[in-house]
Amino acid sequence: MVEFHEKVEFLIKLLQENNNNSYEEEAFKQLENLLEEYARNYKPKRYVKSAK
């Protein structure tokens, strides 16, 4: 399975390299969807202070 950061890096590279507008628009939409999905699923780890 492709890691999240690999998908993001791939789509960003496509956006940087391509001049084909329709392809660029699709890559941008995919990147936006990935980031929205990540934001929805992101659960920050809570750090518990250890008792002294």
C-alpha atoms as a PDB file:
ATOM      1  CA  MET A   1       0.000   0.000   0.000  1.00  0.00           C
ATOM      2  CA  VAL A   2       1.277   3.446  -0.901  1.00  0.00           C
ATOM      3  CA  GLU A   3       1.979   5.664   2.074  1.00  0.00           C
ATOM      4  CA  PHE A   4       0.101   8.950   2.473  1.00  0.00           C
ATOM      5  CA  HIS A   5       3.225  11.093   2.105  1.00  0.00           C
ATOM      6  CA  GLU A   6       4.221   9.220  -1.080  1.00  0.00           C
ATOM      7  CA  LYS A   7       0.839  10.007  -2.671  1.00  0.00           C
ATOM      8  CA  VAL A   8       1.151  13.674  -1.702  1.00  0.00           C
ATOM      9  CA  GLU A   9       4.723  13.916  -3.015  1.00  0.00           C
ATOM     10  CA  PHE A  10       3.732  12.233  -6.293  1.00  0.00           C
ATOM     11  CA  LEU A  11       0.815  14.615  -6.876  1.00  0.00           C
ATOM     12  CA  ILE A  12       2.907  17.675  -6.001  1.00  0.00           C
ATOM     13  CA  LYS A  13       5.605  16.506  -8.435  1.00  0.00           C
ATOM     14  CA  LEU A  14       2.957  16.102 -11.150  1.00  0.00           C
ATOM     15  CA  LEU A  15       1.727  19.633 -10.510  1.00  0.00           C
ATOM     16  CA  GLN A  16       5.267  21.013 -10.698  1.00  0.00           C
ATOM     17  CA  GLU A  17       6.232  19.145 -13.884  1.00  0.00           C
ATOM     18  CA  ASN A  18       3.111  19.280 -16.033  1.00  0.00           C
ATOM     19  CA  ASN A  19       1.801  22.058 -18.218  1.00  0.00           C
ATOM     20  CA  ASN A  20      -1.247  20.079 -19.313  1.00  0.00           C
ATOM     21  CA  ASN A  21      -4.074  22.007 -17.622  1.00  0.00           C
ATOM     22  CA  SER A  22      -6.677  19.238 -17.472  1.00  0.00           C
ATOM     23  CA  TYR A  23      -4.142  16.818 -15.984  1.00  0.00           C
ATOM     24  CA  GLU A  24      -2.956  19.455 -13.529  1.00  0.00           C
ATOM     25  CA  GLU A  25      -6.520  20.175 -12.429  1.00  0.00           C
ATOM     26  CA  GLU A  26      -7.151  16.461 -11.789  1.00  0.00           C
ATOM     27  CA  ALA A  27      -3.921  16.118  -9.792  1.00  0.00           C
ATOM     28  CA  PHE A  28      -4.834  19.189  -7.759  1.00  0.00           C
ATOM     29  CA  LYS A  29      -8.297  17.765  -6.982  1.00  0.00           C
ATOM     30  CA  GLN A  30      -6.762  14.449  -5.904  1.00  0.00           C
ATOM     31  CA  LEU A  31      -4.258  16.239  -3.682  1.00  0.00           C
ATOM     32  CA  GLU A  32      -7.017  18.347  -2.143  1.00  0.00           C
ATOM     33  CA  ASN A  33      -9.130  15.231  -1.475  1.00  0.00           C
ATOM     34  CA  LEU A  34      -6.170  13.419   0.094  1.00  0.00           C
ATOM     35  CA  LEU A  35      -5.453  16.325   2.415  1.00  0.00           C
ATOM     36  CA  GLU A  36      -9.110  16.661   3.403  1.00  0.00           C
ATOM     37  CA  GLU A  37      -9.297  12.926   4.128  1.00  0.00           C
ATOM     38  CA  TYR A  38      -6.117  13.139   6.202  1.00  0.00           C
ATOM     39  CA  ALA A  39      -7.490  16.108   8.158  1.00  0.00           C
ATOM     40  CA  ARG A  40     -10.713  14.212   8.912  1.00  0.00           C
ATOM     41  CA  ASN A  41      -8.847  11.118  10.110  1.00  0.00           C
ATOM     42  CA  TYR A  42      -6.074  12.923  11.988  1.00  0.00           C
ATOM     43  CA  LYS A  43      -6.122  12.177  15.687  1.00  0.00           C
ATOM     44  CA  PRO A  44      -3.331  13.985  17.511  1.00  0.00           C
ATOM     45  CA  LYS A  45      -1.539  11.887  20.082  1.00  0.00           C
ATOM     46  CA  ARG A  46      -2.093  13.176  23.561  1.00  0.00           C
ATOM     47  CA  TYR A  47       1.013  13.241  25.668  1.00  0.00           C
ATOM     48  CA  VAL A  48       0.388  12.272  29.251  1.00  0.00           C
ATOM     49  CA  LYS A  49       2.670  13.877  31.791  1.00  0.00           C
ATOM     50  CA  SER A  50       4.316  11.185  33.857  1.00  0.00           C
ATOM     51  CA  ALA A  51       3.712  11.431  37.580  1.00  0.00           C
ATOM     52  CA  LYS A  52       6.786  12.290  39.607  1.00  0.00           C
END
